[in-house]
C-alpha atoms as a PDB file:
ATOM      1  CA  UNK A   1      12.480   4.930   4.230  1.00  0.00           C
ATOM      2  CA  UNK A   2       9.597   6.302   5.160  1.00  0.00           C
ATOM      3  CA  UNK A   3      10.051  10.100   6.557  1.00  0.00           C
ATOM      4  CA  UNK A   4       9.017  10.297  10.745  1.00  0.00           C
ATOM      5  CA  UNK A   5       9.607  13.856  12.320  1.00  0.00           C
ATOM      6  CA  UNK A   6      10.875  13.496  15.789  1.00  0.00           C
ATOM      7  CA  UNK A   7       8.390  16.337  17.205  1.00  0.00           C
ATOM      8  CA  UNK A   8       5.159  15.195  18.293  1.00  0.00           C
ATOM      9  CA  UNK A   9       4.128  18.747  16.882  1.00  0.00           C
ATOM     10  CA  UNK A  10       3.567  16.640  13.633  1.00  0.00           C
ATOM     11  CA  UNK A  11       1.055  14.288  15.255  1.00  0.00           C
ATOM     12  CA  UNK A  12      -0.676  17.191  16.641  1.00  0.00           C
ATOM     13  CA  UNK A  13      -1.157  19.046  13.254  1.00  0.00           C
ATOM     14  CA  UNK A  14      -1.448  15.518  11.489  1.00  0.00           C
ATOM     15  CA  UNK A  15      -4.463  15.414  13.711  1.00  0.00           C
ATOM     16  CA  UNK A  16      -5.763  18.589  13.100  1.00  0.00           C
ATOM     17  CA  UNK A  17      -5.307  17.398   9.392  1.00  0.00           C
ATOM     18  CA  UNK A  18      -7.303  14.374   9.799  1.00  0.00           C
ATOM     19  CA  UNK A  19     -10.383  15.836  11.904  1.00  0.00           C
ATOM     20  CA  UNK A  20     -10.959  18.745   9.306  1.00  0.00           C
ATOM     21  CA  UNK A  21     -11.617  16.500   6.640  1.00  0.00           C
ATOM     22  CA  UNK A  22     -14.620  14.755   5.622  1.00  0.00           C
ATOM     23  CA  UNK A  23     -14.766  11.190   4.379  1.00  0.00           C
ATOM     24  CA  UNK A  24     -15.813  11.641   0.612  1.00  0.00           C
ATOM     25  CA  UNK A  25     -17.800   8.944  -1.259  1.00  0.00           C
ATOM     26  CA  UNK A  26     -14.432   7.760  -3.048  1.00  0.00           C
ATOM     27  CA  UNK A  27     -12.570   7.384   0.317  1.00  0.00           C
ATOM     28  CA  UNK A  28     -14.846   5.291   1.629  1.00  0.00           C
ATOM     29  CA  UNK A  29     -15.233   3.120  -1.692  1.00  0.00           C
ATOM     30  CA  UNK A  30     -11.625   2.607  -1.587  1.00  0.00           C
ATOM     31  CA  UNK A  31     -11.125   2.484   2.156  1.00  0.00           C
ATOM     32  CA  UNK A  32     -13.999  -0.924   2.095  1.00  0.00           C
ATOM     33  CA  UNK A  33     -12.440  -2.157  -0.764  1.00  0.00           C
ATOM     34  CA  UNK A  34      -8.672  -2.233   0.279  1.00  0.00           C
ATOM     35  CA  UNK A  35      -8.577  -2.385   3.834  1.00  0.00           C
ATOM     36  CA  UNK A  36     -11.598  -4.436   3.971  1.00  0.00           C
ATOM     37  CA  UNK A  37     -10.487  -6.868   1.150  1.00  0.00           C
ATOM     38  CA  UNK A  38      -6.960  -6.815   2.883  1.00  0.00           C
ATOM     39  CA  UNK A  39      -7.962  -7.753   6.701  1.00  0.00           C
ATOM     40  CA  UNK A  40     -10.469 -10.359   4.804  1.00  0.00           C
ATOM     41  CA  UNK A  41      -7.290 -11.928   3.321  1.00  0.00           C
ATOM     42  CA  UNK A  42      -5.481 -11.514   6.519  1.00  0.00           C
ATOM     43  CA  UNK A  43      -8.115 -13.409   8.515  1.00  0.00           C
ATOM     44  CA  UNK A  44      -8.085 -16.262   6.045  1.00  0.00           C
ATOM     45  CA  UNK A  45      -3.976 -16.659   6.098  1.00  0.00           C
ATOM     46  CA  UNK A  46      -4.580 -16.860  10.356  1.00  0.00           C
ATOM     47  CA  UNK A  47      -7.546 -19.116   9.444  1.00  0.00           C
ATOM     48  CA  UNK A  48      -5.603 -22.005   7.120  1.00  0.00           C
ATOM     49  CA  UNK A  49      -2.620 -21.525   8.801  1.00  0.00           C
ATOM     50  CA  UNK A  50      -4.655 -22.679  11.670  1.00  0.00           C
ATOM     51  CA  UNK A  51      -6.262 -25.825  10.044  1.00  0.00           C
ATOM     52  CA  UNK A  52      -2.636 -26.198   8.899  1.00  0.00           C
ATOM     53  CA  UNK A  53      -1.062 -26.515  12.478  1.00  0.00           C
ATOM     54  CA  UNK A  54      -3.916 -28.860  13.310  1.00  0.00           C
ATOM     55  CA  UNK A  55      -3.856 -31.098  10.667  1.00  0.00           C
ATOM     56  CA  UNK A  56      -0.165 -31.989  11.393  1.00  0.00           C
ATOM     57  CA  UNK A  57      -0.883 -32.613  15.257  1.00  0.00           C
ATOM     58  CA  UNK A  58      -3.600 -34.912  14.137  1.00  0.00           C
ATOM     59  CA  UNK A  59      -1.389 -36.586  11.407  1.00  0.00           C
ATOM     60  CA  UNK A  60      -3.615 -35.939   8.767  1.00  0.00           C
ATOM     61  CA  UNK A  61      -2.080 -32.717   6.882  1.00  0.00           C
ATOM     62  CA  UNK A  62      -4.463 -30.783   4.450  1.00  0.00           C
ATOM     63  CA  UNK A  63      -2.235 -30.576   1.004  1.00  0.00           C
ATOM     64  CA  UNK A  64      -3.818 -26.942  -0.006  1.00  0.00           C
ATOM     65  CA  UNK A  65      -3.311 -25.071   2.628  1.00  0.00           C
ATOM     66  CA  UNK A  66       0.453 -23.992   1.440  1.00  0.00           C
ATOM     67  CA  UNK A  67      -0.561 -22.769  -1.510  1.00  0.00           C
ATOM     68  CA  UNK A  68      -4.206 -20.946  -0.095  1.00  0.00           C
ATOM     69  CA  UNK A  69      -1.840 -19.506   2.511  1.00  0.00           C
ATOM     70  CA  UNK A  70       0.709 -18.104  -0.426  1.00  0.00           C
ATOM     71  CA  UNK A  71      -2.744 -16.881  -2.218  1.00  0.00           C
ATOM     72  CA  UNK A  72      -4.327 -14.786   0.100  1.00  0.00           C
ATOM     73  CA  UNK A  73      -0.891 -13.587   1.163  1.00  0.00           C
ATOM     74  CA  UNK A  74      -0.399 -12.203  -2.611  1.00  0.00           C
ATOM     75  CA  UNK A  75      -3.643 -10.594  -2.020  1.00  0.00           C
ATOM     76  CA  UNK A  76      -2.829  -9.153   1.439  1.00  0.00           C
ATOM     77  CA  UNK A  77       0.492  -7.693   0.056  1.00  0.00           C
ATOM     78  CA  UNK A  78      -1.236  -6.093  -3.025  1.00  0.00           C
ATOM     79  CA  UNK A  79      -4.221  -4.230  -1.335  1.00  0.00           C
ATOM     80  CA  UNK A  80      -2.609  -3.300   1.370  1.00  0.00           C
ATOM     81  CA  UNK A  81       0.281  -1.571  -0.821  1.00  0.00           C
ATOM     82  CA  UNK A  82      -3.273   0.430  -2.238  1.00  0.00           C
ATOM     83  CA  UNK A  83      -4.420   1.018   1.348  1.00  0.00           C
ATOM     84  CA  UNK A  84      -1.115   2.882   2.358  1.00  0.00           C
ATOM     85  CA  UNK A  85      -1.511   5.466  -0.419  1.00  0.00           C
ATOM     86  CA  UNK A  86      -4.896   6.264   0.946  1.00  0.00           C
ATOM     87  CA  UNK A  87      -3.373   7.330   4.096  1.00  0.00           C
ATOM     88  CA  UNK A  88       0.483   8.593   2.384  1.00  0.00           C
ATOM     89  CA  UNK A  89       1.622   6.198   4.474  1.00  0.00           C
ATOM     90  CA  UNK A  90       4.359   4.842   1.741  1.00  0.00           C
ATOM     91  CA  UNK A  91       7.479   4.312   2.215  1.00  0.00           C
ATOM     92  CA  UNK A  92       9.810   7.722   0.660  1.00  0.00           C
ATOM     93  CA  UNK A  93      12.584   9.638   1.189  1.00  0.00           C
ATOM     94  CA  UNK A  94      12.690  13.002   1.139  1.00  0.00           C
ATOM     95  CA  UNK A  95      16.061  13.974   2.472  1.00  0.00           C
ATOM     96  CA  UNK A  96      17.364  15.684  -1.032  1.00  0.00           C
ATOM     97  CA  UNK A  97      14.189  17.218  -2.093  1.00  0.00           C
ATOM     98  CA  UNK A  98      14.847  19.368   1.807  1.00  0.00           C
ATOM     99  CA  UNK A  99      18.160  20.575   1.145  1.00  0.00           C
ATOM    100  CA  UNK A 100      17.311  22.217  -2.333  1.00  0.00           C
ATOM    101  CA  UNK A 101      15.378  25.599  -2.385  1.00  0.00           C
ATOM    102  CA  UNK A 102      11.668  25.994  -1.050  1.00  0.00           C
ATOM    103  CA  UNK A 103      10.589  26.369  -5.088  1.00  0.00           C
ATOM    104  CA  UNK A 104      11.750  22.611  -5.718  1.00  0.00           C
ATOM    105  CA  UNK A 105      10.398  21.638  -2.582  1.00  0.00           C
ATOM    106  CA  UNK A 106       7.238  22.430  -3.694  1.00  0.00           C
ATOM    107  CA  UNK A 107       7.709  19.500  -6.271  1.00  0.00           C
ATOM    108  CA  UNK A 108       6.803  16.855  -3.648  1.00  0.00           C
ATOM    109  CA  UNK A 109       3.439  16.657  -4.424  1.00  0.00           C
ATOM    110  CA  UNK A 110       3.936  16.400  -8.338  1.00  0.00           C
ATOM    111  CA  UNK A 111       6.907  14.085  -8.100  1.00  0.00           C
ATOM    112  CA  UNK A 112       4.927  12.068  -5.399  1.00  0.00           C
ATOM    113  CA  UNK A 113       1.998  11.466  -7.782  1.00  0.00           C
ATOM    114  CA  UNK A 114       3.753  11.289 -11.250  1.00  0.00           C
ATOM    115  CA  UNK A 115       5.798   8.498 -10.170  1.00  0.00           C
ATOM    116  CA  UNK A 116       3.184   6.922  -8.212  1.00  0.00           C
ATOM    117  CA  UNK A 117       0.652   6.748 -10.927  1.00  0.00           C
ATOM    118  CA  UNK A 118       3.291   5.960 -13.536  1.00  0.00           C
ATOM    119  CA  UNK A 119       4.546   2.651 -11.026  1.00  0.00           C
ATOM    120  CA  UNK A 120       0.906   1.957 -10.415  1.00  0.00           C
ATOM    121  CA  UNK A 121       0.034   2.333 -14.308  1.00  0.00           C
ATOM    122  CA  UNK A 122       2.662  -0.102 -15.388  1.00  0.00           C
ATOM    123  CA  UNK A 123       1.504  -2.766 -12.553  1.00  0.00           C
ATOM    124  CA  UNK A 124      -1.897  -3.325 -14.037  1.00  0.00           C
ATOM    125  CA  UNK A 125      -0.804  -3.438 -17.450  1.00  0.00           C
ATOM    126  CA  UNK A 126       1.768  -5.769 -16.449  1.00  0.00           C
ATOM    127  CA  UNK A 127      -0.709  -7.593 -14.375  1.00  0.00           C
ATOM    128  CA  UNK A 128      -3.699  -7.509 -17.060  1.00  0.00           C
ATOM    129  CA  UNK A 129      -0.562  -9.051 -19.529  1.00  0.00           C
ATOM    130  CA  UNK A 130      -0.529 -11.790 -17.285  1.00  0.00           C
ATOM    131  CA  UNK A 131      -3.840 -12.392 -16.786  1.00  0.00           C
ATOM    132  CA  UNK A 132      -4.979 -12.645 -19.923  1.00  0.00           C
ATOM    133  CA  UNK A 133      -2.417 -15.094 -20.205  1.00  0.00           C
ATOM    134  CA  UNK A 134      -3.388 -16.952 -17.145  1.00  0.00           C
ATOM    135  CA  UNK A 135      -7.372 -16.746 -18.565  1.00  0.00           C
ATOM    136  CA  UNK A 136      -6.066 -17.979 -22.473  1.00  0.00           C
ATOM    137  CA  UNK A 137      -3.865 -21.057 -21.190  1.00  0.00           C
ATOM    138  CA  UNK A 138      -6.492 -21.955 -18.535  1.00  0.00           C
ATOM    139  CA  UNK A 139      -4.200 -22.365 -16.110  1.00  0.00           C
ATOM    140  CA  UNK A 140      -5.380 -23.891 -12.674  1.00  0.00           C
ATOM    141  CA  UNK A 141      -3.558 -23.892  -9.002  1.00  0.00           C
ATOM    142  CA  UNK A 142      -1.653 -27.262  -8.339  1.00  0.00           C
ATOM    143  CA  UNK A 143      -3.649 -27.940  -5.109  1.00  0.00           C
ATOM    144  CA  UNK A 144      -6.591 -25.965  -5.381  1.00  0.00           C
ATOM    145  CA  UNK A 145      -9.289 -26.202  -7.632  1.00  0.00           C
ATOM    146  CA  UNK A 146      -9.584 -22.302  -8.801  1.00  0.00           C
ATOM    147  CA  UNK A 147      -7.922 -21.046 -12.253  1.00  0.00           C
ATOM    148  CA  UNK A 148      -4.913 -18.638 -11.491  1.00  0.00           C
ATOM    149  CA  UNK A 149      -6.360 -15.654 -13.366  1.00  0.00           C
ATOM    150  CA  UNK A 150      -8.260 -15.175 -10.100  1.00  0.00           C
ATOM    151  CA  UNK A 151      -5.428 -14.585  -7.708  1.00  0.00           C
ATOM    152  CA  UNK A 152      -3.210 -12.150 -10.965  1.00  0.00           C
ATOM    153  CA  UNK A 153      -6.366 -10.187 -10.918  1.00  0.00           C
ATOM    154  CA  UNK A 154      -4.984  -8.443  -7.810  1.00  0.00           C
ATOM    155  CA  UNK A 155      -2.398  -7.039  -9.491  1.00  0.00           C
ATOM    156  CA  UNK A 156      -4.386  -4.858 -11.699  1.00  0.00           C
ATOM    157  CA  UNK A 157      -6.868  -4.724  -8.980  1.00  0.00           C
ATOM    158  CA  UNK A 158      -4.714  -3.471  -6.610  1.00  0.00           C
ATOM    159  CA  UNK A 159      -3.591  -0.557  -9.285  1.00  0.00           C
ATOM    160  CA  UNK A 160      -6.729   0.915  -9.372  1.00  0.00           C
ATOM    161  CA  UNK A 161      -7.361   0.614  -5.781  1.00  0.00           C
ATOM    162  CA  UNK A 162      -3.919   2.564  -5.578  1.00  0.00           C
ATOM    163  CA  UNK A 163      -4.553   5.419  -8.046  1.00  0.00           C
ATOM    164  CA  UNK A 164      -7.982   6.346  -6.596  1.00  0.00           C
ATOM    165  CA  UNK A 165      -6.480   6.120  -3.238  1.00  0.00           C
ATOM    166  CA  UNK A 166      -3.769   8.910  -4.654  1.00  0.00           C
ATOM    167  CA  UNK A 167      -6.741  11.094  -5.948  1.00  0.00           C
ATOM    168  CA  UNK A 168      -8.514  10.666  -2.432  1.00  0.00           C
ATOM    169  CA  UNK A 169      -5.399  11.654  -0.701  1.00  0.00           C
ATOM    170  CA  UNK A 170      -4.675  14.637  -2.841  1.00  0.00           C
ATOM    171  CA  UNK A 171      -7.979  15.926  -1.715  1.00  0.00           C
ATOM    172  CA  UNK A 172      -7.984  14.883   2.135  1.00  0.00           C
ATOM    173  CA  UNK A 173      -4.321  14.899   2.884  1.00  0.00           C
ATOM    174  CA  UNK A 174      -2.250  17.152   0.518  1.00  0.00           C
ATOM    175  CA  UNK A 175      -0.267  18.666   3.319  1.00  0.00           C
ATOM    176  CA  UNK A 176       1.126  15.407   4.448  1.00  0.00           C
ATOM    177  CA  UNK A 177       2.194  14.646   0.842  1.00  0.00           C
ATOM    178  CA  UNK A 178       3.842  17.812   0.515  1.00  0.00           C
ATOM    179  CA  UNK A 179       6.076  17.042   4.132  1.00  0.00           C
ATOM    180  CA  UNK A 180       8.653  19.668   3.307  1.00  0.00           C
ATOM    181  CA  UNK A 181       6.284  22.526   3.311  1.00  0.00           C
ATOM    182  CA  UNK A 182       5.625  21.578   7.065  1.00  0.00           C
ATOM    183  CA  UNK A 183       7.987  24.775   7.784  1.00  0.00           C
ATOM    184  CA  UNK A 184      10.964  22.681  10.016  1.00  0.00           C
ATOM    185  CA  UNK A 185      14.286  23.678   9.342  1.00  0.00           C
ATOM    186  CA  UNK A 186      15.986  21.593   6.578  1.00  0.00           C
ATOM    187  CA  UNK A 187      18.768  19.911   8.966  1.00  0.00           C
ATOM    188  CA  UNK A 188      15.684  18.736  11.789  1.00  0.00           C
ATOM    189  CA  UNK A 189      14.297  17.163   8.671  1.00  0.00           C
ATOM    190  CA  UNK A 190      17.355  15.503   7.278  1.00  0.00           C
ATOM    191  CA  UNK A 191      18.919  14.179  10.470  1.00  0.00           C
ATOM    192  CA  UNK A 192      15.218  12.707  11.103  1.00  0.00           C
ATOM    193  CA  UNK A 193      15.558  10.705   7.911  1.00  0.00           C
ATOM    194  CA  UNK A 194      19.150   9.736   8.518  1.00  0.00           C
ATOM    195  CA  UNK A 195      18.727   8.516  11.686  1.00  0.00           C
ATOM    196  CA  UNK A 196      15.763   6.455  10.376  1.00  0.00           C
ATOM    197  CA  UNK A 197      18.006   5.234   7.469  1.00  0.00           C
ATOM    198  CA  UNK A 198      20.277   4.413   9.932  1.00  0.00           C
ATOM    199  CA  UNK A 199      18.352   2.181  11.914  1.00  0.00           C
ATOM    200  CA  UNK A 200      18.500   4.381  15.145  1.00  0.00           C
END
């Protein structure tokens, strides 16, 4: 579950961190590639679904709309995942980390970065393997005249963007990654995380 503080102080502190950091070239590139592309995929889904509904209403359904919606959704999800790491909005549980000694709490950043980079490295390698197989087999979509590797390429692309986003977040939002170092009592942080986990 995502870690959320029940205190308005965190929102104010977060705003200060955001305002004090100037956007870098890397951050701008990641934002344009991830956010804009994910937004374009979302807009494409809306347009395709509207075409699908209109086609069914007039009695002439378009056979390619369902597949196009699925492909656009895949692109939107993976690009959105990468975009979330740029702003440190990925879901994680820190309730156990804050219960340990302060020395171990400082491991939040290495654990976050190491596990995230490892995950995206594995995702990129798996995605490249799949894309290579799709390209060699000349696999195409069922109803759309496009090769399947153009869909599968989103895995390695989003993995690269996510790693770059993690690097950018280390520069501009390191304090948000190290949440246990905010200075709030451990029981307050743990209570907030447990409440979110319980659905309250």
